[in-house]
Amino acid sequence: MGSMFGENYIPRPQMTDEEIKRYYDQVNESGGFDVEDFSHTVCLDGGGRIEPLDLSDDSNRQLVVDLSLEALDKYNSEQNKNFKFKEVEKANSEGDYCIVTLTCGTNYYITFKAEDASTAAIETFQALVYDGEPVREVKSIRVKPTSYSNPGNEADEDQTA
């Protein structure tokens, strides 16, 4: 009688106390945008964990580009700017995120570059976008700070106003 996971199943170790602390420190400091890859371990809290998204996968890359464009449109509209999307730098995802209406989806923490059409200056942006059925929402977008001086609150607030 074989394992319910299949013969090639290799269990992953649980996160150590040090890894858990490092993970939450990184999430709190960067708002979820700069978190190392802990996918080699099991997530202990049962919820979604913020992990790097594989952008070598064409469908992932296209989705993240589309979400970046939506976020940049919101930024341009609210800030009366004219930035043009250039490229995705990196993206993290947090799956199985459920909102009050009990629809589940994924939070995407996207870092991308855009060019100011009037000055040709390149800026790095960070956008948090929720993508679920039937809801898609740009939760926040900001120019990436040079340092994280207010740990933890940047991704929780819409900083476009």
N, C-alpha and C. Protein backbone atom coordinates (compact mmCIF):
# COMPACT_ATOMS: atom_id res chain seq x y z
N MET A 1 0.85 -1.18 0.00
CA MET A 1 0.00 0.00 0.00
C MET A 1 0.89 1.24 0.00
N GLY A 2 0.69 2.13 -0.95
CA GLY A 2 1.54 3.32 -1.11
C GLY A 2 1.06 4.49 -0.28
N SER A 3 1.88 5.49 -0.24
CA SER A 3 1.56 6.72 0.47
C SER A 3 0.44 7.46 -0.25
N MET A 4 -0.38 8.19 0.51
CA MET A 4 -1.45 8.96 -0.12
C MET A 4 -0.91 10.11 -0.95
N PHE A 5 0.38 10.46 -0.77
CA PHE A 5 1.01 11.55 -1.51
C PHE A 5 1.75 11.06 -2.74
N GLY A 6 1.89 9.76 -2.92
CA GLY A 6 2.62 9.23 -4.06
C GLY A 6 4.04 8.86 -3.67
N GLU A 7 4.64 8.02 -4.46
CA GLU A 7 5.96 7.49 -4.11
C GLU A 7 7.08 8.52 -4.23
N ASN A 8 6.88 9.58 -5.00
CA ASN A 8 7.92 10.60 -5.17
C ASN A 8 7.78 11.76 -4.20
N TYR A 9 6.85 11.66 -3.26
CA TYR A 9 6.61 12.74 -2.29
C TYR A 9 7.81 12.88 -1.36
N ILE A 10 8.30 14.11 -1.23
CA ILE A 10 9.37 14.42 -0.30
C ILE A 10 8.84 15.48 0.65
N PRO A 11 8.68 15.14 1.94
CA PRO A 11 8.14 16.13 2.88
C PRO A 11 9.10 17.30 3.06
N ARG A 12 8.51 18.48 3.23
CA ARG A 12 9.32 19.68 3.49
C ARG A 12 9.38 19.91 4.99
N PRO A 13 10.49 20.43 5.47
CA PRO A 13 10.59 20.71 6.91
C PRO A 13 9.74 21.91 7.29
N GLN A 14 9.37 21.96 8.57
CA GLN A 14 8.67 23.13 9.08
C GLN A 14 9.65 24.29 9.20
N MET A 15 9.12 25.49 9.17
CA MET A 15 9.96 26.67 9.36
C MET A 15 10.53 26.65 10.78
N THR A 16 11.80 26.97 10.89
CA THR A 16 12.41 27.08 12.22
C THR A 16 11.96 28.39 12.86
N ASP A 17 12.16 28.51 14.16
CA ASP A 17 11.82 29.76 14.85
C ASP A 17 12.58 30.93 14.24
N GLU A 18 13.84 30.71 13.87
CA GLU A 18 14.65 31.76 13.25
C GLU A 18 14.06 32.16 11.89
N GLU A 19 13.63 31.18 11.09
CA GLU A 19 13.04 31.48 9.78
C GLU A 19 11.72 32.22 9.93
N ILE A 20 10.91 31.81 10.91
CA ILE A 20 9.63 32.48 11.15
C ILE A 20 9.87 33.94 11.52
N LYS A 21 10.82 34.19 12.41
CA LYS A 21 11.13 35.56 12.82
C LYS A 21 11.64 36.37 11.63
N ARG A 22 12.55 35.78 10.86
CA ARG A 22 13.12 36.48 9.70
C ARG A 22 12.03 36.81 8.68
N TYR A 23 11.14 35.84 8.44
CA TYR A 23 10.03 36.05 7.49
C TYR A 23 9.16 37.23 7.94
N TYR A 24 8.69 37.21 9.18
CA TYR A 24 7.80 38.27 9.65
C TYR A 24 8.52 39.61 9.74
N ASP A 25 9.80 39.61 10.08
CA ASP A 25 10.56 40.86 10.06
C ASP A 25 10.60 41.45 8.65
N GLN A 26 10.83 40.59 7.65
CA GLN A 26 10.89 41.06 6.26
C GLN A 26 9.53 41.56 5.79
N VAL A 27 8.46 40.85 6.13
CA VAL A 27 7.11 41.29 5.75
C VAL A 27 6.79 42.63 6.40
N ASN A 28 7.07 42.74 7.69
CA ASN A 28 6.77 43.99 8.40
C ASN A 28 7.60 45.15 7.89
N GLU A 29 8.87 44.91 7.58
CA GLU A 29 9.74 45.99 7.13
C GLU A 29 9.39 46.46 5.73
N SER A 30 9.12 45.53 4.82
CA SER A 30 8.94 45.89 3.41
C SER A 30 7.48 45.95 2.98
N GLY A 31 6.55 45.59 3.85
CA GLY A 31 5.16 45.53 3.45
C GLY A 31 4.85 44.34 2.56
N GLY A 32 5.77 43.37 2.48
CA GLY A 32 5.56 42.17 1.68
C GLY A 32 6.27 42.17 0.34
N PHE A 33 6.93 43.27 0.01
CA PHE A 33 7.56 43.39 -1.30
C PHE A 33 8.95 42.77 -1.37
N ASP A 34 9.66 42.74 -0.27
CA ASP A 34 11.02 42.21 -0.25
C ASP A 34 11.11 41.10 0.79
N VAL A 35 10.72 39.90 0.37
CA VAL A 35 10.69 38.73 1.24
C VAL A 35 11.45 37.61 0.55
N GLU A 36 12.35 36.97 1.30
CA GLU A 36 13.11 35.88 0.70
C GLU A 36 12.24 34.65 0.51
N ASP A 37 12.74 33.70 -0.24
CA ASP A 37 12.00 32.49 -0.59
C ASP A 37 12.10 31.46 0.53
N PHE A 38 10.98 31.17 1.17
CA PHE A 38 10.92 30.13 2.19
C PHE A 38 10.11 28.93 1.70
N SER A 39 9.91 28.79 0.41
CA SER A 39 9.05 27.73 -0.13
C SER A 39 9.61 26.34 0.11
N HIS A 40 10.86 26.25 0.55
CA HIS A 40 11.44 24.95 0.87
C HIS A 40 10.92 24.42 2.21
N THR A 41 10.08 25.21 2.88
CA THR A 41 9.53 24.82 4.18
C THR A 41 8.01 24.82 4.13
N VAL A 42 7.41 24.22 5.15
CA VAL A 42 5.96 24.19 5.29
C VAL A 42 5.53 25.44 6.05
N CYS A 43 4.47 26.07 5.57
CA CYS A 43 3.89 27.24 6.24
C CYS A 43 3.10 26.75 7.44
N LEU A 44 3.40 27.27 8.62
CA LEU A 44 2.82 26.74 9.85
C LEU A 44 1.47 27.33 10.21
N ASP A 45 1.14 28.52 9.73
CA ASP A 45 -0.09 29.16 10.20
C ASP A 45 -1.32 28.77 9.39
N GLY A 46 -1.17 27.94 8.38
CA GLY A 46 -2.31 27.46 7.62
C GLY A 46 -2.83 28.43 6.58
N GLY A 47 -2.34 29.64 6.58
CA GLY A 47 -2.80 30.63 5.61
C GLY A 47 -1.83 30.78 4.46
N GLY A 48 -2.08 31.77 3.66
CA GLY A 48 -1.17 32.03 2.56
C GLY A 48 0.10 32.68 3.07
N ARG A 49 1.20 32.34 2.45
CA ARG A 49 2.48 32.93 2.81
C ARG A 49 2.96 33.70 1.59
N ILE A 50 3.56 34.84 1.82
CA ILE A 50 4.10 35.64 0.72
C ILE A 50 5.37 34.97 0.23
N GLU A 51 5.37 34.62 -1.06
CA GLU A 51 6.51 33.93 -1.66
C GLU A 51 6.80 34.50 -3.04
N PRO A 52 8.05 34.41 -3.48
CA PRO A 52 8.38 34.88 -4.83
C PRO A 52 7.56 34.14 -5.89
N LEU A 53 7.15 34.87 -6.90
CA LEU A 53 6.39 34.32 -8.02
C LEU A 53 7.35 34.00 -9.16
N ASP A 54 7.18 32.86 -9.77
CA ASP A 54 8.03 32.43 -10.88
C ASP A 54 7.67 33.22 -12.14
N LEU A 55 8.48 34.21 -12.47
CA LEU A 55 8.21 35.05 -13.64
C LEU A 55 8.77 34.46 -14.93
N SER A 56 9.43 33.31 -14.84
CA SER A 56 9.84 32.63 -16.08
C SER A 56 8.65 31.93 -16.72
N ASP A 57 7.57 31.75 -15.95
CA ASP A 57 6.32 31.20 -16.46
C ASP A 57 5.58 32.31 -17.20
N ASP A 58 5.30 32.11 -18.49
CA ASP A 58 4.69 33.15 -19.32
C ASP A 58 3.35 33.64 -18.79
N SER A 59 2.52 32.72 -18.28
CA SER A 59 1.20 33.15 -17.79
C SER A 59 1.34 33.99 -16.52
N ASN A 60 2.26 33.62 -15.63
CA ASN A 60 2.52 34.45 -14.44
C ASN A 60 3.01 35.83 -14.85
N ARG A 61 3.97 35.86 -15.76
CA ARG A 61 4.55 37.14 -16.19
C ARG A 61 3.47 38.03 -16.82
N GLN A 62 2.64 37.47 -17.69
CA GLN A 62 1.60 38.28 -18.34
C GLN A 62 0.59 38.81 -17.32
N LEU A 63 0.21 37.98 -16.36
CA LEU A 63 -0.72 38.43 -15.32
C LEU A 63 -0.12 39.59 -14.53
N VAL A 64 1.14 39.46 -14.14
CA VAL A 64 1.78 40.50 -13.34
C VAL A 64 1.95 41.79 -14.15
N VAL A 65 2.24 41.68 -15.44
CA VAL A 65 2.30 42.87 -16.30
C VAL A 65 0.93 43.54 -16.34
N ASP A 66 -0.13 42.75 -16.54
CA ASP A 66 -1.49 43.31 -16.59
C ASP A 66 -1.84 44.01 -15.27
N LEU A 67 -1.51 43.38 -14.14
CA LEU A 67 -1.79 43.99 -12.84
C LEU A 67 -0.98 45.27 -12.63
N SER A 68 0.26 45.27 -13.11
CA SER A 68 1.12 46.46 -13.01
C SER A 68 0.52 47.61 -13.81
N LEU A 69 0.03 47.31 -15.01
CA LEU A 69 -0.58 48.34 -15.85
C LEU A 69 -1.81 48.95 -15.18
N GLU A 70 -2.63 48.09 -14.56
CA GLU A 70 -3.81 48.60 -13.85
C GLU A 70 -3.40 49.51 -12.69
N ALA A 71 -2.40 49.07 -11.94
CA ALA A 71 -1.93 49.87 -10.80
C ALA A 71 -1.35 51.20 -11.27
N LEU A 72 -0.57 51.17 -12.34
CA LEU A 72 0.04 52.39 -12.86
C LEU A 72 -1.02 53.35 -13.40
N ASP A 73 -2.07 52.81 -14.03
CA ASP A 73 -3.18 53.65 -14.47
C ASP A 73 -3.82 54.38 -13.29
N LYS A 74 -4.00 53.66 -12.19
CA LYS A 74 -4.57 54.28 -10.99
C LYS A 74 -3.65 55.38 -10.48
N TYR A 75 -2.36 55.10 -10.41
CA TYR A 75 -1.39 56.08 -9.93
C TYR A 75 -1.41 57.33 -10.82
N ASN A 76 -1.33 57.12 -12.14
CA ASN A 76 -1.33 58.25 -13.08
C ASN A 76 -2.59 59.09 -12.94
N SER A 77 -3.73 58.43 -12.83
CA SER A 77 -5.00 59.13 -12.71
C SER A 77 -5.08 59.94 -11.42
N GLU A 78 -4.71 59.34 -10.31
CA GLU A 78 -4.84 60.00 -9.02
C GLU A 78 -3.76 61.05 -8.76
N GLN A 79 -2.59 60.87 -9.37
CA GLN A 79 -1.49 61.81 -9.16
C GLN A 79 -1.30 62.77 -10.32
N ASN A 80 -2.15 62.66 -11.34
CA ASN A 80 -2.05 63.50 -12.54
C ASN A 80 -0.64 63.41 -13.15
N LYS A 81 -0.19 62.17 -13.32
CA LYS A 81 1.13 61.88 -13.89
C LYS A 81 0.95 61.12 -15.19
N ASN A 82 2.07 60.91 -15.88
CA ASN A 82 2.03 60.16 -17.14
C ASN A 82 3.22 59.20 -17.21
N PHE A 83 3.22 58.22 -16.30
CA PHE A 83 4.26 57.20 -16.32
C PHE A 83 3.88 56.10 -17.30
N LYS A 84 4.87 55.59 -18.00
CA LYS A 84 4.70 54.49 -18.95
C LYS A 84 5.42 53.26 -18.40
N PHE A 85 4.71 52.16 -18.37
CA PHE A 85 5.26 50.91 -17.86
C PHE A 85 6.47 50.47 -18.68
N LYS A 86 7.54 50.02 -17.99
CA LYS A 86 8.74 49.52 -18.65
C LYS A 86 8.89 48.01 -18.47
N GLU A 87 9.02 47.55 -17.21
CA GLU A 87 9.25 46.13 -16.98
C GLU A 87 8.99 45.77 -15.52
N VAL A 88 8.66 44.49 -15.32
CA VAL A 88 8.51 43.95 -13.98
C VAL A 88 9.89 43.58 -13.46
N GLU A 89 10.18 44.02 -12.26
CA GLU A 89 11.45 43.68 -11.62
C GLU A 89 11.32 42.37 -10.86
N LYS A 90 10.25 42.25 -10.07
CA LYS A 90 9.99 41.02 -9.33
C LYS A 90 8.56 41.06 -8.82
N ALA A 91 8.08 39.91 -8.38
CA ALA A 91 6.73 39.83 -7.83
C ALA A 91 6.67 38.72 -6.79
N ASN A 92 5.89 38.98 -5.76
CA ASN A 92 5.58 37.98 -4.75
C ASN A 92 4.08 37.75 -4.78
N SER A 93 3.66 36.58 -4.33
CA SER A 93 2.23 36.31 -4.26
C SER A 93 1.89 35.72 -2.90
N GLU A 94 0.66 35.97 -2.50
CA GLU A 94 0.12 35.45 -1.24
C GLU A 94 -1.23 34.85 -1.58
N GLY A 95 -1.26 33.54 -1.73
CA GLY A 95 -2.47 32.87 -2.17
C GLY A 95 -3.45 32.61 -1.05
N ASP A 96 -4.65 32.19 -1.45
CA ASP A 96 -5.71 31.82 -0.52
C ASP A 96 -6.06 32.94 0.43
N TYR A 97 -6.04 34.16 -0.08
CA TYR A 97 -6.39 35.32 0.72
C TYR A 97 -7.88 35.57 0.54
N CYS A 98 -8.66 35.47 1.62
CA CYS A 98 -10.11 35.62 1.52
C CYS A 98 -10.54 36.95 2.13
N ILE A 99 -11.48 37.60 1.44
CA ILE A 99 -12.00 38.87 1.93
C ILE A 99 -13.36 38.64 2.57
N VAL A 100 -13.94 39.67 3.10
CA VAL A 100 -15.18 39.58 3.87
C VAL A 100 -16.29 38.86 3.11
N THR A 101 -16.36 39.03 1.80
CA THR A 101 -17.42 38.40 1.02
C THR A 101 -17.18 36.92 0.80
N LEU A 102 -16.09 36.39 1.36
CA LEU A 102 -15.71 34.99 1.26
C LEU A 102 -15.31 34.58 -0.15
N THR A 103 -14.98 35.53 -0.98
CA THR A 103 -14.37 35.19 -2.26
C THR A 103 -12.87 35.15 -2.04
N CYS A 104 -12.23 34.14 -2.57
CA CYS A 104 -10.80 33.97 -2.34
C CYS A 104 -10.02 34.33 -3.59
N GLY A 105 -8.83 34.79 -3.37
CA GLY A 105 -7.96 35.16 -4.47
C GLY A 105 -6.53 35.26 -3.99
N THR A 106 -5.77 36.05 -4.68
CA THR A 106 -4.34 36.17 -4.41
C THR A 106 -3.95 37.63 -4.33
N ASN A 107 -3.12 37.95 -3.35
CA ASN A 107 -2.48 39.26 -3.29
C ASN A 107 -1.17 39.17 -4.05
N TYR A 108 -0.92 40.14 -4.92
CA TYR A 108 0.33 40.21 -5.65
C TYR A 108 1.08 41.46 -5.20
N TYR A 109 2.32 41.27 -4.81
CA TYR A 109 3.22 42.35 -4.38
C TYR A 109 4.21 42.53 -5.52
N ILE A 110 4.02 43.56 -6.33
CA ILE A 110 4.76 43.70 -7.59
C ILE A 110 5.69 44.90 -7.53
N THR A 111 6.93 44.68 -7.92
CA THR A 111 7.91 45.76 -8.06
C THR A 111 8.20 45.90 -9.54
N PHE A 112 7.99 47.11 -10.08
CA PHE A 112 8.19 47.31 -11.52
C PHE A 112 8.75 48.70 -11.79
N LYS A 113 9.27 48.86 -12.98
CA LYS A 113 9.84 50.15 -13.40
C LYS A 113 8.90 50.82 -14.40
N ALA A 114 8.87 52.15 -14.33
CA ALA A 114 8.07 52.94 -15.27
C ALA A 114 8.82 54.24 -15.55
N GLU A 115 8.57 54.78 -16.73
CA GLU A 115 9.24 56.00 -17.18
C GLU A 115 8.27 57.17 -17.19
N ASP A 116 8.69 58.28 -16.60
CA ASP A 116 7.91 59.51 -16.63
C ASP A 116 7.98 60.06 -18.06
N ALA A 117 6.84 60.14 -18.73
CA ALA A 117 6.82 60.57 -20.13
C ALA A 117 7.30 62.00 -20.31
N SER A 118 7.19 62.83 -19.29
CA SER A 118 7.60 64.23 -19.45
C SER A 118 9.07 64.47 -19.16
N THR A 119 9.69 63.63 -18.32
CA THR A 119 11.09 63.86 -17.95
C THR A 119 12.03 62.72 -18.35
N ALA A 120 11.48 61.61 -18.78
CA ALA A 120 12.23 60.38 -19.11
C ALA A 120 12.90 59.75 -17.89
N ALA A 121 12.55 60.22 -16.69
CA ALA A 121 13.10 59.62 -15.47
C ALA A 121 12.45 58.26 -15.24
N ILE A 122 13.26 57.30 -14.82
CA ILE A 122 12.77 55.96 -14.51
C ILE A 122 12.56 55.87 -13.00
N GLU A 123 11.38 55.43 -12.61
CA GLU A 123 11.06 55.22 -11.19
C GLU A 123 10.74 53.75 -10.97
N THR A 124 11.02 53.29 -9.77
CA THR A 124 10.63 51.94 -9.37
C THR A 124 9.39 52.05 -8.51
N PHE A 125 8.36 51.30 -8.87
CA PHE A 125 7.08 51.32 -8.17
C PHE A 125 6.85 50.00 -7.46
N GLN A 126 6.03 50.05 -6.42
CA GLN A 126 5.57 48.86 -5.73
C GLN A 126 4.05 48.94 -5.68
N ALA A 127 3.40 47.88 -6.15
CA ALA A 127 1.95 47.83 -6.16
C ALA A 127 1.48 46.56 -5.47
N LEU A 128 0.46 46.70 -4.66
CA LEU A 128 -0.22 45.56 -4.05
C LEU A 128 -1.58 45.45 -4.71
N VAL A 129 -1.79 44.34 -5.41
CA VAL A 129 -3.03 44.14 -6.15
C VAL A 129 -3.65 42.82 -5.73
N TYR A 130 -4.93 42.87 -5.35
CA TYR A 130 -5.69 41.66 -5.04
C TYR A 130 -6.38 41.20 -6.32
N ASP A 131 -6.21 39.92 -6.65
CA ASP A 131 -6.85 39.36 -7.84
C ASP A 131 -7.65 38.13 -7.43
N GLY A 132 -8.98 38.27 -7.48
CA GLY A 132 -9.86 37.16 -7.12
C GLY A 132 -11.08 37.18 -8.01
N GLU A 133 -11.96 36.24 -7.78
CA GLU A 133 -13.20 36.19 -8.55
C GLU A 133 -14.33 36.67 -7.67
N PRO A 134 -15.09 37.64 -8.06
CA PRO A 134 -15.01 38.43 -9.28
C PRO A 134 -14.29 39.76 -9.06
N VAL A 135 -13.55 39.89 -7.97
CA VAL A 135 -12.97 41.17 -7.57
C VAL A 135 -11.50 41.26 -7.97
N ARG A 136 -11.12 42.39 -8.53
CA ARG A 136 -9.71 42.75 -8.72
C ARG A 136 -9.59 44.16 -8.20
N GLU A 137 -8.61 44.39 -7.31
CA GLU A 137 -8.49 45.70 -6.67
C GLU A 137 -7.03 46.07 -6.49
N VAL A 138 -6.68 47.28 -6.93
CA VAL A 138 -5.37 47.85 -6.63
C VAL A 138 -5.47 48.37 -5.21
N LYS A 139 -4.84 47.68 -4.28
CA LYS A 139 -4.93 48.06 -2.87
C LYS A 139 -3.98 49.20 -2.53
N SER A 140 -2.82 49.24 -3.18
CA SER A 140 -1.89 50.36 -2.98
C SER A 140 -0.89 50.39 -4.12
N ILE A 141 -0.37 51.57 -4.37
CA ILE A 141 0.75 51.74 -5.30
C ILE A 141 1.56 52.93 -4.81
N ARG A 142 2.86 52.79 -4.89
CA ARG A 142 3.77 53.83 -4.41
C ARG A 142 5.08 53.76 -5.18
N VAL A 143 5.80 54.86 -5.17
CA VAL A 143 7.18 54.83 -5.62
C VAL A 143 7.94 54.10 -4.52
N LYS A 144 8.79 53.16 -4.91
CA LYS A 144 9.52 52.37 -3.92
C LYS A 144 10.38 53.29 -3.06
N PRO A 145 10.23 53.17 -1.74
CA PRO A 145 11.06 54.01 -0.87
C PRO A 145 12.53 53.59 -0.95
N THR A 146 13.41 54.54 -0.72
CA THR A 146 14.84 54.22 -0.73
C THR A 146 15.22 53.40 0.49
N SER A 147 14.45 53.54 1.57
CA SER A 147 14.59 52.68 2.74
C SER A 147 13.21 52.55 3.36
N TYR A 148 13.04 51.52 4.15
CA TYR A 148 11.75 51.30 4.79
C TYR A 148 11.79 51.89 6.19
N SER A 149 11.31 53.14 6.33
CA SER A 149 11.39 53.83 7.62
C SER A 149 10.15 53.63 8.47
N ASN A 150 9.02 53.23 7.86
CA ASN A 150 7.79 52.98 8.61
C ASN A 150 7.40 51.53 8.42
N PRO A 151 8.08 50.60 9.10
CA PRO A 151 7.86 49.19 8.86
C PRO A 151 6.41 48.78 9.00
N GLY A 152 5.96 48.00 8.01
CA GLY A 152 4.69 47.33 8.10
C GLY A 152 3.47 48.06 7.63
N ASN A 153 3.47 49.38 7.54
CA ASN A 153 2.21 50.04 7.21
C ASN A 153 2.11 50.46 5.76
N GLU A 154 3.17 50.37 4.99
CA GLU A 154 3.12 50.89 3.63
C GLU A 154 2.12 50.13 2.76
N ALA A 155 2.07 48.83 2.87
CA ALA A 155 1.20 48.05 1.99
C ALA A 155 -0.24 48.03 2.47
N ASP A 156 -0.49 48.47 3.69
CA ASP A 156 -1.84 48.45 4.23
C ASP A 156 -2.65 49.67 3.85
N GLU A 157 -1.99 50.71 3.42
CA GLU A 157 -2.69 51.96 3.11
C GLU A 157 -2.49 52.32 1.66
N ASP A 158 -3.52 52.86 1.06
CA ASP A 158 -3.41 53.34 -0.31
C ASP A 158 -2.66 54.66 -0.26
N GLN A 159 -1.46 54.70 -0.82
CA GLN A 159 -0.64 55.89 -0.72
C GLN A 159 -0.64 56.68 -2.02
N THR A 160 -1.73 56.60 -2.75
CA THR A 160 -1.81 57.34 -4.01
C THR A 160 -2.47 58.69 -3.84
N ALA A 161 -3.13 58.90 -2.72
CA ALA A 161 -3.86 60.16 -2.53
C ALA A 161 -2.96 61.27 -2.06
